[in-house]
C-alpha atoms as a PDB file:
ATOM      1  CA  HIS A   1     -24.201 -12.193   4.004  1.00  0.00           C
ATOM      2  CA  PHE A   2     -26.060  -9.111   2.824  1.00  0.00           C
ATOM      3  CA  ALA A   3     -24.596  -9.551  -0.666  1.00  0.00           C
ATOM      4  CA  GLN A   4     -25.847 -13.122  -0.750  1.00  0.00           C
ATOM      5  CA  GLU A   5     -29.312 -12.065   0.386  1.00  0.00           C
ATOM      6  CA  VAL A   6     -29.645  -9.535  -2.435  1.00  0.00           C
ATOM      7  CA  GLY A   7     -28.102 -11.727  -5.128  1.00  0.00           C
ATOM      8  CA  ILE A   8     -24.644 -10.149  -5.404  1.00  0.00           C
ATOM      9  CA  SER A   9     -22.031 -12.795  -6.066  1.00  0.00           C
ATOM     10  CA  ARG A  10     -18.822 -10.728  -6.283  1.00  0.00           C
ATOM     11  CA  ILE A  11     -17.152  -8.491  -3.704  1.00  0.00           C
ATOM     12  CA  VAL A  12     -13.834  -6.700  -4.091  1.00  0.00           C
ATOM     13  CA  TYR A  13     -12.529  -5.515  -0.736  1.00  0.00           C
ATOM     14  CA  ALA A  14      -9.535  -3.562   0.505  1.00  0.00           C
ATOM     15  CA  SER A  15      -6.921  -5.377   2.541  1.00  0.00           C
ATOM     16  CA  SER A  16      -3.418  -4.158   3.339  1.00  0.00           C
ATOM     17  CA  ALA A  17       0.268  -4.977   3.419  1.00  0.00           C
ATOM     18  CA  GLY A  18      -0.169  -4.384   7.149  1.00  0.00           C
ATOM     19  CA  VAL A  19      -1.175  -8.051   7.485  1.00  0.00           C
ATOM     20  CA  TYR A  20       2.468  -9.055   6.889  1.00  0.00           C
ATOM     21  CA  GLY A  21       3.959  -7.215   9.851  1.00  0.00           C
ATOM     22  CA  LEU A  22       7.668  -7.947  10.049  1.00  0.00           C
ATOM     23  CA  GLY A  23       7.481 -10.684   7.435  1.00  0.00           C
ATOM     24  CA  PRO A  24      10.365 -11.163   4.984  1.00  0.00           C
ATOM     25  CA  CYS A  25      10.585  -9.141   1.788  1.00  0.00           C
ATOM     26  CA  PRO A  26       9.410  -9.476  -0.885  1.00  0.00           C
ATOM     27  CA  MET A  27       6.135 -10.244   0.852  1.00  0.00           C
ATOM     28  CA  LYS A  28       4.110 -13.038  -0.779  1.00  0.00           C
ATOM     29  CA  GLU A  29       0.446 -13.885  -0.373  1.00  0.00           C
ATOM     30  CA  THR A  30       1.460 -17.330   0.887  1.00  0.00           C
ATOM     31  CA  ASN A  31       3.329 -15.812   3.840  1.00  0.00           C
ATOM     32  CA  PRO A  32       1.607 -16.101   7.233  1.00  0.00           C
ATOM     33  CA  SER A  33      -0.159 -13.034   8.576  1.00  0.00           C
ATOM     34  CA  LYS A  34       1.713 -11.392  11.458  1.00  0.00           C
ATOM     35  CA  PRO A  35       0.119  -7.961  11.876  1.00  0.00           C
ATOM     36  CA  MET A  36       1.817  -5.579  14.276  1.00  0.00           C
ATOM     37  CA  ASN A  37      -1.076  -3.224  14.948  1.00  0.00           C
ATOM     38  CA  VAL A  38      -4.857  -3.090  15.166  1.00  0.00           C
ATOM     39  CA  TYR A  39      -5.229  -1.874  11.594  1.00  0.00           C
ATOM     40  CA  GLY A  40      -3.300  -4.825  10.158  1.00  0.00           C
ATOM     41  CA  PHE A  41      -5.122  -7.183  12.487  1.00  0.00           C
ATOM     42  CA  SER A  42      -8.508  -5.909  11.287  1.00  0.00           C
ATOM     43  CA  LYS A  43      -7.512  -6.619   7.681  1.00  0.00           C
ATOM     44  CA  ALA A  44      -6.355 -10.134   8.569  1.00  0.00           C
ATOM     45  CA  VAL A  45      -9.701 -10.779  10.292  1.00  0.00           C
ATOM     46  CA  MET A  46     -11.545  -9.598   7.174  1.00  0.00           C
ATOM     47  CA  GLU A  47      -9.511 -11.917   4.960  1.00  0.00           C
ATOM     48  CA  ASN A  48     -10.260 -14.837   7.286  1.00  0.00           C
ATOM     49  CA  LEU A  49     -13.965 -13.997   7.178  1.00  0.00           C
ATOM     50  CA  ALA A  50     -13.890 -13.913   3.362  1.00  0.00           C
ATOM     51  CA  GLY A  51     -12.170 -17.297   3.329  1.00  0.00           C
ATOM     52  CA  SER A  52     -14.823 -18.719   5.621  1.00  0.00           C
ATOM     53  CA  CYS A  53     -17.615 -17.402   3.383  1.00  0.00           C
ATOM     54  CA  LEU A  54     -15.953 -18.967   0.337  1.00  0.00           C
ATOM     55  CA  ARG A  55     -15.781 -22.338   2.031  1.00  0.00           C
ATOM     56  CA  ASP A  56     -19.491 -22.087   2.813  1.00  0.00           C
ATOM     57  CA  ASP A  57     -20.399 -20.951  -0.710  1.00  0.00           C
ATOM     58  CA  PRO A  58     -17.784 -21.649  -3.424  1.00  0.00           C
ATOM     59  CA  ASN A  59     -19.949 -19.849  -5.990  1.00  0.00           C
ATOM     60  CA  LEU A  60     -19.077 -16.502  -4.419  1.00  0.00           C
ATOM     61  CA  LYS A  61     -16.310 -14.399  -5.954  1.00  0.00           C
ATOM     62  CA  LEU A  62     -14.393 -12.637  -3.181  1.00  0.00           C
ATOM     63  CA  VAL A  63     -11.288 -10.694  -4.173  1.00  0.00           C
ATOM     64  CA  GLY A  64      -9.093  -9.070  -1.525  1.00  0.00           C
ATOM     65  CA  LEU A  65      -6.510  -6.506  -2.592  1.00  0.00           C
ATOM     66  CA  ARG A  66      -3.569  -6.030  -0.263  1.00  0.00           C
ATOM     67  CA  TYR A  67      -2.686  -2.420  -0.960  1.00  0.00           C
ATOM     68  CA  PHE A  68       0.872  -1.474  -0.179  1.00  0.00           C
ATOM     69  CA  ASN A  69       1.758   2.186   0.408  1.00  0.00           C
ATOM     70  CA  VAL A  70      -0.718   4.106  -1.720  1.00  0.00           C
ATOM     71  CA  TYR A  71      -0.148   7.768  -2.545  1.00  0.00           C
ATOM     72  CA  GLY A  72      -1.573  10.228  -5.033  1.00  0.00           C
ATOM     73  CA  PRO A  73      -4.155  12.924  -5.783  1.00  0.00           C
ATOM     74  CA  ARG A  74      -7.040  13.644  -3.390  1.00  0.00           C
ATOM     75  CA  GLU A  75      -5.501  12.002  -0.346  1.00  0.00           C
ATOM     76  CA  TYR A  76      -5.212  15.319   1.522  1.00  0.00           C
ATOM     77  CA  TYR A  77      -8.564  14.748   3.252  1.00  0.00           C
ATOM     78  CA  LYS A  78      -7.028  11.880   5.228  1.00  0.00           C
ATOM     79  CA  GLY A  79      -4.970  14.317   7.281  1.00  0.00           C
ATOM     80  CA  LYS A  80      -2.353  12.548   9.390  1.00  0.00           C
ATOM     81  CA  ALA A  81      -3.346   9.204   7.859  1.00  0.00           C
ATOM     82  CA  ALA A  82      -2.315  10.362   4.370  1.00  0.00           C
ATOM     83  CA  SER A  83       0.826   8.903   2.808  1.00  0.00           C
ATOM     84  CA  MET A  84       4.288   9.860   3.974  1.00  0.00           C
ATOM     85  CA  ILE A  85       4.872  11.310   0.508  1.00  0.00           C
ATOM     86  CA  TRP A  86       2.054  13.794   1.109  1.00  0.00           C
ATOM     87  CA  GLN A  87       3.191  14.488   4.686  1.00  0.00           C
ATOM     88  CA  LEU A  88       6.754  15.189   3.603  1.00  0.00           C
ATOM     89  CA  TYR A  89       5.611  17.297   0.666  1.00  0.00           C
ATOM     90  CA  CYS A  90       3.497  19.489   2.954  1.00  0.00           C
ATOM     91  CA  GLN A  91       6.440  20.050   5.306  1.00  0.00           C
ATOM     92  CA  MET A  92       8.814  20.881   2.490  1.00  0.00           C
ATOM     93  CA  LYS A  93       6.342  23.052   0.585  1.00  0.00           C
ATOM     94  CA  ALA A  94       6.050  25.150   3.748  1.00  0.00           C
ATOM     95  CA  GLY A  95       9.841  25.551   3.825  1.00  0.00           C
ATOM     96  CA  HIS A  96      10.483  23.132   6.705  1.00  0.00           C
ATOM     97  CA  ARG A  97      13.088  20.420   6.761  1.00  0.00           C
ATOM     98  CA  PRO A  98      11.377  17.020   6.355  1.00  0.00           C
ATOM     99  CA  ARG A  99      11.335  14.998   9.586  1.00  0.00           C
ATOM    100  CA  ILE A 100      11.898  11.239   9.325  1.00  0.00           C
ATOM    101  CA  PHE A 101      13.098   8.448  11.593  1.00  0.00           C
ATOM    102  CA  LYS A 102      16.848   7.853  11.835  1.00  0.00           C
ATOM    103  CA  PHE A 103      18.415   7.555   9.334  1.00  0.00           C
ATOM    104  CA  GLY A 104      15.937   7.384   6.513  1.00  0.00           C
ATOM    105  CA  GLU A 105      16.857   3.852   5.388  1.00  0.00           C
ATOM    106  CA  GLN A 106      13.402   2.463   6.161  1.00  0.00           C
ATOM    107  CA  TYR A 107      11.715   1.626   2.896  1.00  0.00           C
ATOM    108  CA  ARG A 108       8.277   1.140   1.420  1.00  0.00           C
ATOM    109  CA  ASP A 109       6.712  -0.309  -1.692  1.00  0.00           C
ATOM    110  CA  PHE A 110       5.005   2.934  -2.707  1.00  0.00           C
ATOM    111  CA  ILE A 111       2.249   2.470  -5.280  1.00  0.00           C
ATOM    112  CA  TYR A 112       0.601   5.306  -7.156  1.00  0.00           C
ATOM    113  CA  VAL A 113      -3.161   5.601  -6.854  1.00  0.00           C
ATOM    114  CA  LYS A 114      -3.610   5.498 -10.639  1.00  0.00           C
ATOM    115  CA  ASP A 115      -2.143   1.995 -10.603  1.00  0.00           C
ATOM    116  CA  VAL A 116      -4.398   1.054  -7.687  1.00  0.00           C
ATOM    117  CA  VAL A 117      -7.456   2.104  -9.698  1.00  0.00           C
ATOM    118  CA  GLN A 118      -6.389  -0.232 -12.505  1.00  0.00           C
ATOM    119  CA  ALA A 119      -5.932  -3.106 -10.048  1.00  0.00           C
ATOM    120  CA  ASN A 120      -9.459  -2.575  -8.739  1.00  0.00           C
ATOM    121  CA  LEU A 121     -10.933  -2.591 -12.231  1.00  0.00           C
ATOM    122  CA  MET A 122      -9.083  -5.813 -13.063  1.00  0.00           C
ATOM    123  CA  ALA A 123     -10.310  -7.389  -9.811  1.00  0.00           C
ATOM    124  CA  VAL A 124     -13.873  -7.232 -11.151  1.00  0.00           C
ATOM    125  CA  GLU A 125     -13.001 -10.130 -13.465  1.00  0.00           C
ATOM    126  CA  ALA A 126     -10.464 -11.919 -11.256  1.00  0.00           C
ATOM    127  CA  PRO A 127     -10.828 -15.310  -9.593  1.00  0.00           C
ATOM    128  CA  SER A 128     -11.382 -15.387  -5.833  1.00  0.00           C
ATOM    129  CA  GLY A 129      -8.279 -14.825  -3.764  1.00  0.00           C
ATOM    130  CA  VAL A 130      -6.075 -12.276  -2.068  1.00  0.00           C
ATOM    131  CA  TYR A 131      -3.596 -10.317  -4.164  1.00  0.00           C
ATOM    132  CA  ASN A 132      -0.785  -7.872  -3.497  1.00  0.00           C
ATOM    133  CA  VAL A 133      -1.238  -4.479  -5.135  1.00  0.00           C
ATOM    134  CA  CYS A 134       2.351  -3.332  -5.242  1.00  0.00           C
ATOM    135  CA  THR A 135       5.218  -2.401  -7.549  1.00  0.00           C
ATOM    136  CA  TRP A 136       7.703  -5.127  -6.532  1.00  0.00           C
ATOM    137  CA  GLN A 137      10.156  -2.265  -5.914  1.00  0.00           C
ATOM    138  CA  HIS A 138      10.986  -0.241  -2.856  1.00  0.00           C
ATOM    139  CA  ALA A 139      12.181   3.267  -2.083  1.00  0.00           C
ATOM    140  CA  ASP A 140      13.611   4.512   1.171  1.00  0.00           C
ATOM    141  CA  PHE A 141      12.588   7.816   2.733  1.00  0.00           C
ATOM    142  CA  ASN A 142      15.848   9.524   1.785  1.00  0.00           C
ATOM    143  CA  GLN A 143      15.045   8.800  -1.855  1.00  0.00           C
ATOM    144  CA  VAL A 144      11.509  10.144  -1.437  1.00  0.00           C
ATOM    145  CA  ILE A 145      12.873  13.387   0.003  1.00  0.00           C
ATOM    146  CA  ARG A 146      15.304  13.717  -2.891  1.00  0.00           C
ATOM    147  CA  LEU A 147      12.484  13.286  -5.415  1.00  0.00           C
ATOM    148  CA  ILE A 148      10.265  15.831  -3.642  1.00  0.00           C
ATOM    149  CA  ASN A 149      13.165  18.276  -3.583  1.00  0.00           C
ATOM    150  CA  GLU A 150      13.531  17.799  -7.338  1.00  0.00           C
ATOM    151  CA  SER A 151       9.817  18.317  -7.945  1.00  0.00           C
ATOM    152  CA  LEU A 152       9.752  21.501  -5.879  1.00  0.00           C
ATOM    153  CA  GLY A 153      13.097  22.819  -7.126  1.00  0.00           C
ATOM    154  CA  ILE A 154      14.490  23.067  -3.586  1.00  0.00           C
ATOM    155  CA  SER A 155      17.191  21.329  -1.537  1.00  0.00           C
ATOM    156  CA  LEU A 156      16.007  20.748   2.021  1.00  0.00           C
ATOM    157  CA  GLU A 157      17.931  18.191   4.064  1.00  0.00           C
ATOM    158  CA  ALA A 158      16.205  15.642   6.275  1.00  0.00           C
ATOM    159  CA  GLU A 159      15.903  16.117  10.024  1.00  0.00           C
ATOM    160  CA  TYR A 160      16.314  12.706  11.643  1.00  0.00           C
ATOM    161  CA  PHE A 161      14.802  11.669  14.977  1.00  0.00           C
ATOM    162  CA  ASP A 162      14.411   8.465  16.985  1.00  0.00           C
ATOM    163  CA  ASN A 163      11.548   6.143  16.121  1.00  0.00           C
ATOM    164  CA  PRO A 164       9.301   5.930  19.205  1.00  0.00           C
ATOM    165  CA  TYR A 165       7.140   3.053  17.915  1.00  0.00           C
ATOM    166  CA  SER A 166       7.733  -0.622  18.705  1.00  0.00           C
ATOM    167  CA  PHE A 167       5.097  -1.716  16.145  1.00  0.00           C
ATOM    168  CA  TYR A 168       6.608   0.103  13.153  1.00  0.00           C
ATOM    169  CA  GLN A 169       7.191  -1.773   9.887  1.00  0.00           C
ATOM    170  CA  ASN A 170      10.704  -0.816   8.794  1.00  0.00           C
ATOM    171  CA  GLU A 171      10.438  -2.533   5.433  1.00  0.00           C
ATOM    172  CA  THR A 172       7.679  -3.341   2.951  1.00  0.00           C
ATOM    173  CA  GLU A 173       8.096  -4.693  -0.535  1.00  0.00           C
ATOM    174  CA  GLY A 174       5.514  -6.853  -2.242  1.00  0.00           C
ATOM    175  CA  ASP A 175       5.832  -9.793  -4.594  1.00  0.00           C
ATOM    176  CA  ALA A 176       3.604  -8.877  -7.561  1.00  0.00           C
ATOM    177  CA  ASN A 177       3.705 -12.213  -9.365  1.00  0.00           C
ATOM    178  CA  LEU A 178       0.267 -13.527  -8.335  1.00  0.00           C
ATOM    179  CA  ALA A 179      -1.482 -10.286  -9.300  1.00  0.00           C
ATOM    180  CA  LEU A 180       0.291 -10.399 -12.656  1.00  0.00           C
ATOM    181  CA  THR A 181      -0.619 -13.990 -13.461  1.00  0.00           C
ATOM    182  CA  ARG A 182      -4.199 -14.031 -12.139  1.00  0.00           C
ATOM    183  CA  LEU A 183      -5.358 -10.411 -12.513  1.00  0.00           C
ATOM    184  CA  GLY A 184      -3.091  -9.321 -15.342  1.00  0.00           C
ATOM    185  CA  PHE A 185      -2.041  -6.376 -13.169  1.00  0.00           C
ATOM    186  CA  LYS A 186       1.375  -4.747 -13.330  1.00  0.00           C
ATOM    187  CA  ALA A 187       2.123  -1.327 -11.886  1.00  0.00           C
ATOM    188  CA  LYS A 188       3.122   1.240 -14.525  1.00  0.00           C
ATOM    189  CA  TYR A 189       4.448   3.994 -12.276  1.00  0.00           C
ATOM    190  CA  THR A 190       7.852   3.889 -10.641  1.00  0.00           C
ATOM    191  CA  ILE A 191       8.307   6.011  -7.521  1.00  0.00           C
ATOM    192  CA  THR A 192      10.075   8.607  -9.680  1.00  0.00           C
ATOM    193  CA  ASP A 193       7.295   8.725 -12.275  1.00  0.00           C
ATOM    194  CA  GLY A 194       4.567   8.735  -9.640  1.00  0.00           C
ATOM    195  CA  ILE A 195       5.985  11.628  -7.624  1.00  0.00           C
ATOM    196  CA  ARG A 196       6.599  13.647 -10.780  1.00  0.00           C
ATOM    197  CA  ASP A 197       3.029  13.084 -11.941  1.00  0.00           C
ATOM    198  CA  TYR A 198       1.641  13.827  -8.466  1.00  0.00           C
ATOM    199  CA  LEU A 199       3.673  16.880  -7.535  1.00  0.00           C
ATOM    200  CA  GLY A 200       4.961  18.128 -10.872  1.00  0.00           C
END
């Protein structure tokens, strides 16, 4: 409403793969929202609000980007909310075995922040809608630990423990087709390339 009052017709806002909850993979924008936690719920509410504003004023351009698991430079300030790649790196850099839920098969669609920047720039020209910002690939936590070991030149084994959370997403992998066809966005970094660029 503020944007309308001051004559701004385009907004690009951050949503999240958290809106999918336990939805099937690969996760598509047409899938229903089933968030499992307050964070995902807040993003679903924001998307619904954007949709309502578009119905009221079709001349608006509202672009929501559903970020998957973003990692990369300058995330350290987020502390415990930083990516698992950063959390595991910090543990391993300090010489500790990386701690992950049993037995490390949970996987994520990790997307490098440099790709996310490109998606945001492309969204400035995109038609209204909600788009996955993902790689259309997934990596499990065992693979992440192996890649961090390689980057650091060490060989620390994982320490597995029980997952205490009932609202935990065990799997995320996005369908990137809509972002490709309507934004022209395609992630350039694989998990291997991203971790090497980040930690190398």
